[in-house]
Amino acid sequence: MLPTTSADFDHAYRRPLTPWGDIRIPPEIAALVRRGAPNGVLELGCGVGRFSRYAAQQGLRVTGVDFSPVAIAKARARVAADEVRPDFIVGDVTNLDTLTGPFDLSFDVGCFHCLDATQQGRYASEIARLLAPGGTHLIWALDAAPAGISLDAAAVGTTFAPRFALRDAKASRRRLVRSHWYWLVRSTE
């Protein structure tokens, strides 16, 4: 059974490895980070912080959010000796009222598809509030979400409209499953 609650994820993160753990930086994340972000980067569902750490090592100010206190504790421990560290916080991606923006970039590798439709709408509202006009939000999501929702470019575009334009969707076999990368750009209005 797939984890769905914070307690479920805490249990999974107490194990030495999780099935979704990544050690490689996806080229999509590397390309996004190369753009630079004077106002910072936000990672949603950061888990143990590998991607946030990578972005910080490239000289960006980074905030990583996850609702698993165990994952955040591991992320903080992992970067404790680093000269430049992301700020890791325990939080709910559908209610980020403790954060203020704007961020220039945000990304999510495997969180959005774990949310139900109502949560996805709240997530999109929070990203719209926190991302600077013209900012980019990158999502990697499974085509068949664990919540039973089919995700495709039309569904993602509708969830984020009208505050975002879906600029690109690229099929992926990341983790050997059917999935997509979605690039969304925050409207300037």
C-alpha atoms as a PDB file:
ATOM      1  CA  MET A   1       0.000   0.000   0.000  1.00  0.00           C
ATOM      2  CA  LEU A   2       1.281   3.440  -0.933  1.00  0.00           C
ATOM      3  CA  PRO A   3       1.759   6.005   1.822  1.00  0.00           C
ATOM      4  CA  THR A   4      -0.757   8.831   1.899  1.00  0.00           C
ATOM      5  CA  THR A   5      -0.551  10.498   5.318  1.00  0.00           C
ATOM      6  CA  SER A   6       2.308  12.265   7.043  1.00  0.00           C
ATOM      7  CA  ALA A   7       2.560   9.332   9.474  1.00  0.00           C
ATOM      8  CA  ASP A   8       2.718   6.869   6.543  1.00  0.00           C
ATOM      9  CA  PHE A   9       5.551   8.838   4.960  1.00  0.00           C
ATOM     10  CA  ASP A  10       7.330   9.133   8.326  1.00  0.00           C
ATOM     11  CA  HIS A  11       7.231   5.346   8.558  1.00  0.00           C
ATOM     12  CA  ALA A  12       8.607   5.002   5.006  1.00  0.00           C
ATOM     13  CA  TYR A  13      11.381   7.541   5.639  1.00  0.00           C
ATOM     14  CA  ARG A  14      12.519   5.676   8.742  1.00  0.00           C
ATOM     15  CA  ARG A  15      13.682   2.872   6.429  1.00  0.00           C
ATOM     16  CA  PRO A  16      17.186   3.049   4.964  1.00  0.00           C
ATOM     17  CA  LEU A  17      15.763   3.424   1.431  1.00  0.00           C
ATOM     18  CA  THR A  18      12.434   4.439  -0.040  1.00  0.00           C
ATOM     19  CA  PRO A  19      11.163   3.145  -3.386  1.00  0.00           C
ATOM     20  CA  TRP A  20      11.022   6.725  -4.686  1.00  0.00           C
ATOM     21  CA  GLY A  21      14.485   7.783  -3.501  1.00  0.00           C
ATOM     22  CA  ASP A  22      16.573   9.478  -6.177  1.00  0.00           C
ATOM     23  CA  ILE A  23      20.322   9.836  -6.300  1.00  0.00           C
ATOM     24  CA  ARG A  24      20.565  11.285  -9.812  1.00  0.00           C
ATOM     25  CA  ILE A  25      19.607  14.863 -10.562  1.00  0.00           C
ATOM     26  CA  PRO A  26      17.089  14.832 -13.416  1.00  0.00           C
ATOM     27  CA  PRO A  27      18.270  16.910 -16.392  1.00  0.00           C
ATOM     28  CA  GLU A  28      14.992  18.850 -16.190  1.00  0.00           C
ATOM     29  CA  ILE A  29      15.860  20.021 -12.658  1.00  0.00           C
ATOM     30  CA  ALA A  30      19.449  20.844 -13.672  1.00  0.00           C
ATOM     31  CA  ALA A  31      18.188  22.948 -16.616  1.00  0.00           C
ATOM     32  CA  LEU A  32      15.679  24.768 -14.406  1.00  0.00           C
ATOM     33  CA  VAL A  33      18.340  25.580 -11.799  1.00  0.00           C
ATOM     34  CA  ARG A  34      20.757  26.879 -14.469  1.00  0.00           C
ATOM     35  CA  ARG A  35      18.277  29.673 -15.193  1.00  0.00           C
ATOM     36  CA  GLY A  36      19.127  31.234 -11.850  1.00  0.00           C
ATOM     37  CA  ALA A  37      16.690  32.588  -9.298  1.00  0.00           C
ATOM     38  CA  PRO A  38      17.534  35.868  -7.512  1.00  0.00           C
ATOM     39  CA  ASN A  39      14.389  35.531  -5.372  1.00  0.00           C
ATOM     40  CA  GLY A  40      14.949  31.859  -4.613  1.00  0.00           C
ATOM     41  CA  VAL A  41      13.644  28.409  -5.362  1.00  0.00           C
ATOM     42  CA  LEU A  42      10.862  26.449  -3.676  1.00  0.00           C
ATOM     43  CA  GLU A  43      10.758  22.651  -3.728  1.00  0.00           C
ATOM     44  CA  LEU A  44       7.443  21.029  -2.820  1.00  0.00           C
ATOM     45  CA  GLY A  45       7.496  17.517  -1.390  1.00  0.00           C
ATOM     46  CA  CYS A  46      11.276  17.686  -0.962  1.00  0.00           C
ATOM     47  CA  GLY A  47      11.607  14.431   0.996  1.00  0.00           C
ATOM     48  CA  VAL A  48      15.213  14.047   2.186  1.00  0.00           C
ATOM     49  CA  GLY A  49      16.250  17.109   0.193  1.00  0.00           C
ATOM     50  CA  ARG A  50      18.522  15.828  -2.571  1.00  0.00           C
ATOM     51  CA  PHE A  51      17.212  18.202  -5.218  1.00  0.00           C
ATOM     52  CA  SER A  52      17.039  21.191  -2.853  1.00  0.00           C
ATOM     53  CA  ARG A  53      20.611  20.503  -1.836  1.00  0.00           C
ATOM     54  CA  TYR A  54      21.685  20.384  -5.481  1.00  0.00           C
ATOM     55  CA  ALA A  55      20.046  23.773  -6.184  1.00  0.00           C
ATOM     56  CA  ALA A  56      21.717  25.301  -3.103  1.00  0.00           C
ATOM     57  CA  GLN A  57      25.087  23.946  -4.227  1.00  0.00           C
ATOM     58  CA  GLN A  58      24.563  25.850  -7.487  1.00  0.00           C
ATOM     59  CA  GLY A  59      24.384  29.081  -5.464  1.00  0.00           C
ATOM     60  CA  LEU A  60      20.612  29.497  -5.195  1.00  0.00           C
ATOM     61  CA  ARG A  61      18.589  30.312  -2.094  1.00  0.00           C
ATOM     62  CA  VAL A  62      16.333  27.285  -1.638  1.00  0.00           C
ATOM     63  CA  THR A  63      13.395  26.371   0.579  1.00  0.00           C
ATOM     64  CA  GLY A  64      12.298  22.728   0.688  1.00  0.00           C
ATOM     65  CA  VAL A  65       8.920  21.709   2.130  1.00  0.00           C
ATOM     66  CA  ASP A  66       7.675  18.267   3.097  1.00  0.00           C
ATOM     67  CA  PHE A  67       4.933  17.155   5.476  1.00  0.00           C
ATOM     68  CA  SER A  68       7.056  14.339   6.899  1.00  0.00           C
ATOM     69  CA  PRO A  69       9.019  15.493   9.951  1.00  0.00           C
ATOM     70  CA  VAL A  70      11.242  12.406   9.555  1.00  0.00           C
ATOM     71  CA  ALA A  71      12.128  13.362   5.964  1.00  0.00           C
ATOM     72  CA  ILE A  72      12.866  16.961   6.987  1.00  0.00           C
ATOM     73  CA  ALA A  73      15.079  15.796   9.869  1.00  0.00           C
ATOM     74  CA  LYS A  74      17.030  13.616   7.427  1.00  0.00           C
ATOM     75  CA  ALA A  75      17.296  16.506   4.949  1.00  0.00           C
ATOM     76  CA  ARG A  76      18.636  18.858   7.631  1.00  0.00           C
ATOM     77  CA  ALA A  77      21.152  16.253   8.830  1.00  0.00           C
ATOM     78  CA  ARG A  78      22.324  15.622   5.265  1.00  0.00           C
ATOM     79  CA  VAL A  79      23.239  19.290   4.708  1.00  0.00           C
ATOM     80  CA  ALA A  80      24.437  20.152   8.213  1.00  0.00           C
ATOM     81  CA  ALA A  81      28.105  20.371   7.173  1.00  0.00           C
ATOM     82  CA  ASP A  82      27.435  22.145   3.845  1.00  0.00           C
ATOM     83  CA  GLU A  83      28.603  25.728   3.506  1.00  0.00           C
ATOM     84  CA  VAL A  84      25.374  26.730   1.743  1.00  0.00           C
ATOM     85  CA  ARG A  85      22.226  24.992   2.952  1.00  0.00           C
ATOM     86  CA  PRO A  86      18.608  24.969   1.913  1.00  0.00           C
ATOM     87  CA  ASP A  87      16.016  25.978   4.469  1.00  0.00           C
ATOM     88  CA  PHE A  88      13.939  22.863   5.158  1.00  0.00           C
ATOM     89  CA  ILE A  89      10.509  23.194   6.735  1.00  0.00           C
ATOM     90  CA  VAL A  90       7.758  20.799   7.717  1.00  0.00           C
ATOM     91  CA  GLY A  91       4.649  21.931   5.913  1.00  0.00           C
ATOM     92  CA  ASP A  92       1.581  21.007   3.924  1.00  0.00           C
ATOM     93  CA  VAL A  93       1.913  21.884   0.219  1.00  0.00           C
ATOM     94  CA  THR A  94      -1.797  22.754   0.147  1.00  0.00           C
ATOM     95  CA  ASN A  95      -1.428  25.333   2.943  1.00  0.00           C
ATOM     96  CA  LEU A  96       1.899  27.165   2.974  1.00  0.00           C
ATOM     97  CA  ASP A  97       0.782  30.207   4.966  1.00  0.00           C
ATOM     98  CA  THR A  98       4.108  30.269   6.844  1.00  0.00           C
ATOM     99  CA  LEU A  99       5.908  31.105   3.585  1.00  0.00           C
ATOM    100  CA  THR A 100       6.036  34.383   1.768  1.00  0.00           C
ATOM    101  CA  GLY A 101       7.249  34.875  -1.744  1.00  0.00           C
ATOM    102  CA  PRO A 102       7.998  35.625  -4.278  1.00  0.00           C
ATOM    103  CA  PHE A 103      10.080  32.718  -5.495  1.00  0.00           C
ATOM    104  CA  ASP A 104      11.391  32.784  -9.069  1.00  0.00           C
ATOM    105  CA  LEU A 105      11.260  29.015  -9.555  1.00  0.00           C
ATOM    106  CA  SER A 106       9.516  26.111  -7.928  1.00  0.00           C
ATOM    107  CA  PHE A 107       9.498  22.418  -8.586  1.00  0.00           C
ATOM    108  CA  ASP A 108       7.966  19.177  -7.455  1.00  0.00           C
ATOM    109  CA  VAL A 109       9.254  15.713  -8.250  1.00  0.00           C
ATOM    110  CA  GLY A 110       6.553  13.254  -7.210  1.00  0.00           C
ATOM    111  CA  CYS A 111       4.306  15.179  -4.812  1.00  0.00           C
ATOM    112  CA  PHE A 112       1.484  16.595  -6.968  1.00  0.00           C
ATOM    113  CA  HIS A 113       0.328  13.175  -8.167  1.00  0.00           C
ATOM    114  CA  CYS A 114      -0.176  12.059  -4.537  1.00  0.00           C
ATOM    115  CA  LEU A 115      -2.893  14.666  -3.984  1.00  0.00           C
ATOM    116  CA  ASP A 116      -6.617  14.323  -4.634  1.00  0.00           C
ATOM    117  CA  ALA A 117      -8.375  16.835  -6.910  1.00  0.00           C
ATOM    118  CA  THR A 118      -9.314  19.233  -4.087  1.00  0.00           C
ATOM    119  CA  GLN A 119      -5.775  19.192  -2.719  1.00  0.00           C
ATOM    120  CA  GLN A 120      -4.362  19.743  -6.207  1.00  0.00           C
ATOM    121  CA  GLY A 121      -6.489  22.891  -6.527  1.00  0.00           C
ATOM    122  CA  ARG A 122      -5.239  24.238  -3.176  1.00  0.00           C
ATOM    123  CA  TYR A 123      -1.653  23.355  -4.162  1.00  0.00           C
ATOM    124  CA  ALA A 124      -2.046  25.343  -7.407  1.00  0.00           C
ATOM    125  CA  SER A 125      -3.420  28.320  -5.446  1.00  0.00           C
ATOM    126  CA  GLU A 126      -0.457  28.261  -3.085  1.00  0.00           C
ATOM    127  CA  ILE A 127       2.041  28.125  -5.948  1.00  0.00           C
ATOM    128  CA  ALA A 128       0.232  31.055  -7.620  1.00  0.00           C
ATOM    129  CA  ARG A 129       0.515  33.035  -4.376  1.00  0.00           C
ATOM    130  CA  LEU A 130       4.207  32.257  -3.846  1.00  0.00           C
ATOM    131  CA  LEU A 131       5.664  32.306  -7.362  1.00  0.00           C
ATOM    132  CA  ALA A 132       6.646  35.619  -8.955  1.00  0.00           C
ATOM    133  CA  PRO A 133       4.787  36.669 -12.112  1.00  0.00           C
ATOM    134  CA  GLY A 134       6.617  35.055 -15.024  1.00  0.00           C
ATOM    135  CA  GLY A 135       8.107  32.416 -12.703  1.00  0.00           C
ATOM    136  CA  THR A 136       8.285  28.757 -13.679  1.00  0.00           C
ATOM    137  CA  HIS A 137       6.861  25.785 -11.796  1.00  0.00           C
ATOM    138  CA  LEU A 138       8.110  22.352 -12.916  1.00  0.00           C
ATOM    139  CA  ILE A 139       6.265  19.159 -11.991  1.00  0.00           C
ATOM    140  CA  TRP A 140       7.147  15.526 -12.544  1.00  0.00           C
ATOM    141  CA  ALA A 141       4.055  13.364 -12.089  1.00  0.00           C
ATOM    142  CA  LEU A 142       2.921   9.837 -12.796  1.00  0.00           C
ATOM    143  CA  ASP A 143       0.325   9.501 -15.544  1.00  0.00           C
ATOM    144  CA  ALA A 144      -1.767   7.252 -13.272  1.00  0.00           C
ATOM    145  CA  ALA A 145      -1.638   8.897  -9.869  1.00  0.00           C
ATOM    146  CA  PRO A 146      -1.770   6.826  -6.671  1.00  0.00           C
ATOM    147  CA  ALA A 147      -4.934   8.766  -5.741  1.00  0.00           C
ATOM    148  CA  GLY A 148      -6.629   7.187  -8.778  1.00  0.00           C
ATOM    149  CA  ILE A 149      -6.611  10.388 -10.832  1.00  0.00           C
ATOM    150  CA  SER A 150      -5.433  10.217 -14.430  1.00  0.00           C
ATOM    151  CA  LEU A 151      -3.020  13.026 -15.080  1.00  0.00           C
ATOM    152  CA  ASP A 152      -2.272  14.435 -18.511  1.00  0.00           C
ATOM    153  CA  ALA A 153      -1.441  17.849 -19.931  1.00  0.00           C
ATOM    154  CA  ALA A 154      -5.105  18.868 -20.144  1.00  0.00           C
ATOM    155  CA  ALA A 155      -5.791  17.966 -16.509  1.00  0.00           C
ATOM    156  CA  VAL A 156      -2.671  19.721 -15.242  1.00  0.00           C
ATOM    157  CA  GLY A 157      -3.387  22.788 -17.393  1.00  0.00           C
ATOM    158  CA  THR A 158      -6.962  22.980 -16.109  1.00  0.00           C
ATOM    159  CA  THR A 159      -5.889  22.649 -12.464  1.00  0.00           C
ATOM    160  CA  PHE A 160      -3.465  25.573 -12.782  1.00  0.00           C
ATOM    161  CA  ALA A 161      -5.574  27.806 -15.080  1.00  0.00           C
ATOM    162  CA  PRO A 162      -5.973  30.740 -15.322  1.00  0.00           C
ATOM    163  CA  ARG A 163      -3.029  31.759 -13.122  1.00  0.00           C
ATOM    164  CA  PHE A 164      -0.565  29.621 -15.086  1.00  0.00           C
ATOM    165  CA  ALA A 165      -0.010  28.681 -18.704  1.00  0.00           C
ATOM    166  CA  LEU A 166       1.141  25.157 -19.436  1.00  0.00           C
ATOM    167  CA  ARG A 167       4.185  25.803 -21.625  1.00  0.00           C
ATOM    168  CA  ASP A 168       5.352  22.255 -22.200  1.00  0.00           C
ATOM    169  CA  ALA A 169       4.657  18.629 -21.319  1.00  0.00           C
ATOM    170  CA  LYS A 170       7.216  15.939 -22.004  1.00  0.00           C
ATOM    171  CA  ALA A 171       6.633  12.207 -21.686  1.00  0.00           C
ATOM    172  CA  SER A 172       9.036  10.441 -19.386  1.00  0.00           C
ATOM    173  CA  ARG A 173       9.893   6.912 -18.309  1.00  0.00           C
ATOM    174  CA  ARG A 174      11.489   8.139 -15.093  1.00  0.00           C
ATOM    175  CA  ARG A 175      11.527   5.317 -12.567  1.00  0.00           C
ATOM    176  CA  LEU A 176      10.426   3.123 -15.488  1.00  0.00           C
ATOM    177  CA  VAL A 177       6.814   4.233 -15.187  1.00  0.00           C
ATOM    178  CA  ARG A 178       4.721   6.325 -17.519  1.00  0.00           C
ATOM    179  CA  SER A 179       4.985   9.886 -16.380  1.00  0.00           C
ATOM    180  CA  HIS A 180       5.393  13.449 -17.603  1.00  0.00           C
ATOM    181  CA  TRP A 181       7.297  16.620 -16.868  1.00  0.00           C
ATOM    182  CA  TYR A 182       5.093  19.731 -16.929  1.00  0.00           C
ATOM    183  CA  TRP A 183       6.431  23.288 -17.249  1.00  0.00           C
ATOM    184  CA  LEU A 184       3.983  25.923 -16.024  1.00  0.00           C
ATOM    185  CA  VAL A 185       4.569  29.673 -16.202  1.00  0.00           C
ATOM    186  CA  ARG A 186       2.896  32.082 -13.777  1.00  0.00           C
ATOM    187  CA  SER A 187       0.828  34.764 -15.485  1.00  0.00           C
ATOM    188  CA  THR A 188       2.137  38.304 -15.273  1.00  0.00           C
ATOM    189  CA  GLU A 189      -1.269  39.758 -14.415  1.00  0.00           C
END
